[in-house]
Protein backbone atom coordinates (compact mmCIF):
# COMPACT_ATOMS: atom_id res chain seq x y z
CA MET A 1 -47.85 18.42 -44.99
CA PHE A 2 -45.16 16.64 -42.84
CA GLY A 3 -45.05 13.22 -44.44
CA SER A 4 -47.87 11.15 -43.01
CA LEU A 5 -48.79 13.69 -40.29
CA GLY A 6 -51.94 15.62 -41.00
CA PHE A 7 -53.23 18.89 -39.59
CA THR A 8 -55.22 17.15 -36.85
CA GLU A 9 -52.19 15.17 -35.65
CA LEU A 10 -50.07 18.32 -35.49
CA ILE A 11 -52.73 20.14 -33.42
CA LEU A 12 -52.91 17.14 -31.06
CA ILE A 13 -49.11 17.08 -30.64
CA LEU A 14 -49.04 20.84 -29.98
CA PHE A 15 -51.80 20.45 -27.38
CA ILE A 16 -49.89 17.66 -25.57
CA VAL A 17 -46.69 19.74 -25.58
CA LEU A 18 -48.66 22.69 -24.15
CA ILE A 19 -49.99 20.50 -21.34
CA ILE A 20 -46.57 18.99 -20.52
CA PHE A 21 -44.46 22.16 -20.57
CA GLY A 22 -47.05 24.81 -19.80
CA ALA A 23 -47.63 28.15 -21.49
CA GLY A 24 -44.77 29.86 -19.62
CA LYS A 25 -42.10 27.41 -20.78
CA LEU A 26 -43.04 27.36 -24.49
CA PRO A 27 -41.19 30.61 -25.39
CA GLN A 28 -38.06 29.34 -23.63
CA LEU A 29 -38.38 25.98 -25.35
CA GLY A 30 -38.79 27.64 -28.75
CA GLU A 31 -35.80 29.90 -28.11
CA GLY A 32 -33.64 26.93 -27.13
CA ILE A 33 -34.62 24.98 -30.23
CA GLY A 34 -33.97 28.05 -32.42
CA LYS A 35 -30.49 28.53 -30.93
CA ALA A 36 -29.72 24.86 -31.42
CA ILE A 37 -30.74 24.98 -35.09
CA LYS A 38 -28.77 28.19 -35.62
CA GLY A 39 -25.66 26.68 -34.02
CA PHE A 40 -25.99 23.54 -36.12
CA LYS A 41 -26.24 25.54 -39.34
CA LYS A 42 -23.23 27.64 -38.33
CA SER A 43 -21.10 24.57 -37.63
CA VAL A 44 -22.10 23.01 -40.96
CA HIS A 45 -21.09 26.16 -42.86
CA GLU A 46 -17.79 26.40 -40.96
CA ALA A 47 -17.01 22.76 -41.74
CA GLU A 48 -17.72 23.36 -45.43
CA ALA A 49 -15.47 26.44 -45.41
CA ILE A 50 -12.63 24.52 -43.76
CA GLU A 51 -13.00 21.68 -46.25
CA ALA A 52 -12.98 24.13 -49.18
CA GLU A 53 -9.79 25.77 -47.86
CA ALA A 54 -8.12 22.37 -47.52
CA GLN A 55 -9.05 21.43 -51.10
CA GLN A 56 -7.77 24.76 -52.39
CA ALA A 57 -4.46 24.32 -50.54
CA THR A 58 -4.11 20.81 -51.94
CA GLN A 59 -4.75 22.03 -55.47
CA GLN A 60 -2.21 24.83 -55.09
CA GLN A 61 0.36 22.42 -53.72
CA ALA A 62 -0.18 20.03 -56.63
CA ALA A 63 0.05 22.86 -59.18
CA THR A 64 3.36 24.20 -57.86
CA PRO A 65 6.36 22.09 -58.84
CA GLN A 66 8.34 21.06 -55.80
CA GLN A 67 12.01 22.02 -55.77
CA ALA A 68 14.67 19.48 -54.98
CA ILE A 69 15.76 19.84 -51.39
CA PRO A 70 19.53 19.39 -50.90
CA SER A 71 20.42 16.81 -48.28
CA ALA A 72 21.70 18.05 -44.95
CA SER A 73 25.01 16.21 -45.17
CA PRO A 74 26.42 15.86 -48.67
CA GLN A 75 28.18 12.56 -49.26
CA ALA A 76 31.89 12.91 -49.84
CA PRO A 77 33.71 10.35 -51.94
CA VAL A 78 35.24 7.64 -49.80
CA ALA A 79 39.05 7.60 -50.01
CA ASP A 80 40.84 4.30 -50.39
CA GLN A 81 42.03 3.38 -46.92
CA PRO A 82 44.28 0.44 -46.20
CA ALA A 83 42.68 -2.49 -44.42
CA PRO A 84 43.59 -2.74 -40.73
CA GLN A 85 46.42 -5.15 -39.92
CA PRO A 86 45.70 -8.00 -37.52
CA VAL A 87 47.36 -7.64 -34.15
CA SER A 88 49.47 -10.61 -33.07
CA HIS A 89 49.68 -11.44 -29.39
CA ALA A 90 53.14 -12.89 -28.71
């Protein structure tokens, strides 16, 4: 049934849990476990959806050719300037 646990072992575990928590706490315990499982499943599905969106965006970006972006400051041709003359101190 559950790996190596048989029916007798499961009944024994349920009986011990009943003794430890009491009959009044079992519905609250079950509700808490159910909410935890539901939250876990929800987070797993959200993570898969986010990952799928990221893959789709990456594929779209790779499929679209990127346009050349002009540089912010175009380089002007450098004019020939005379070299500076040394200053003599006389």
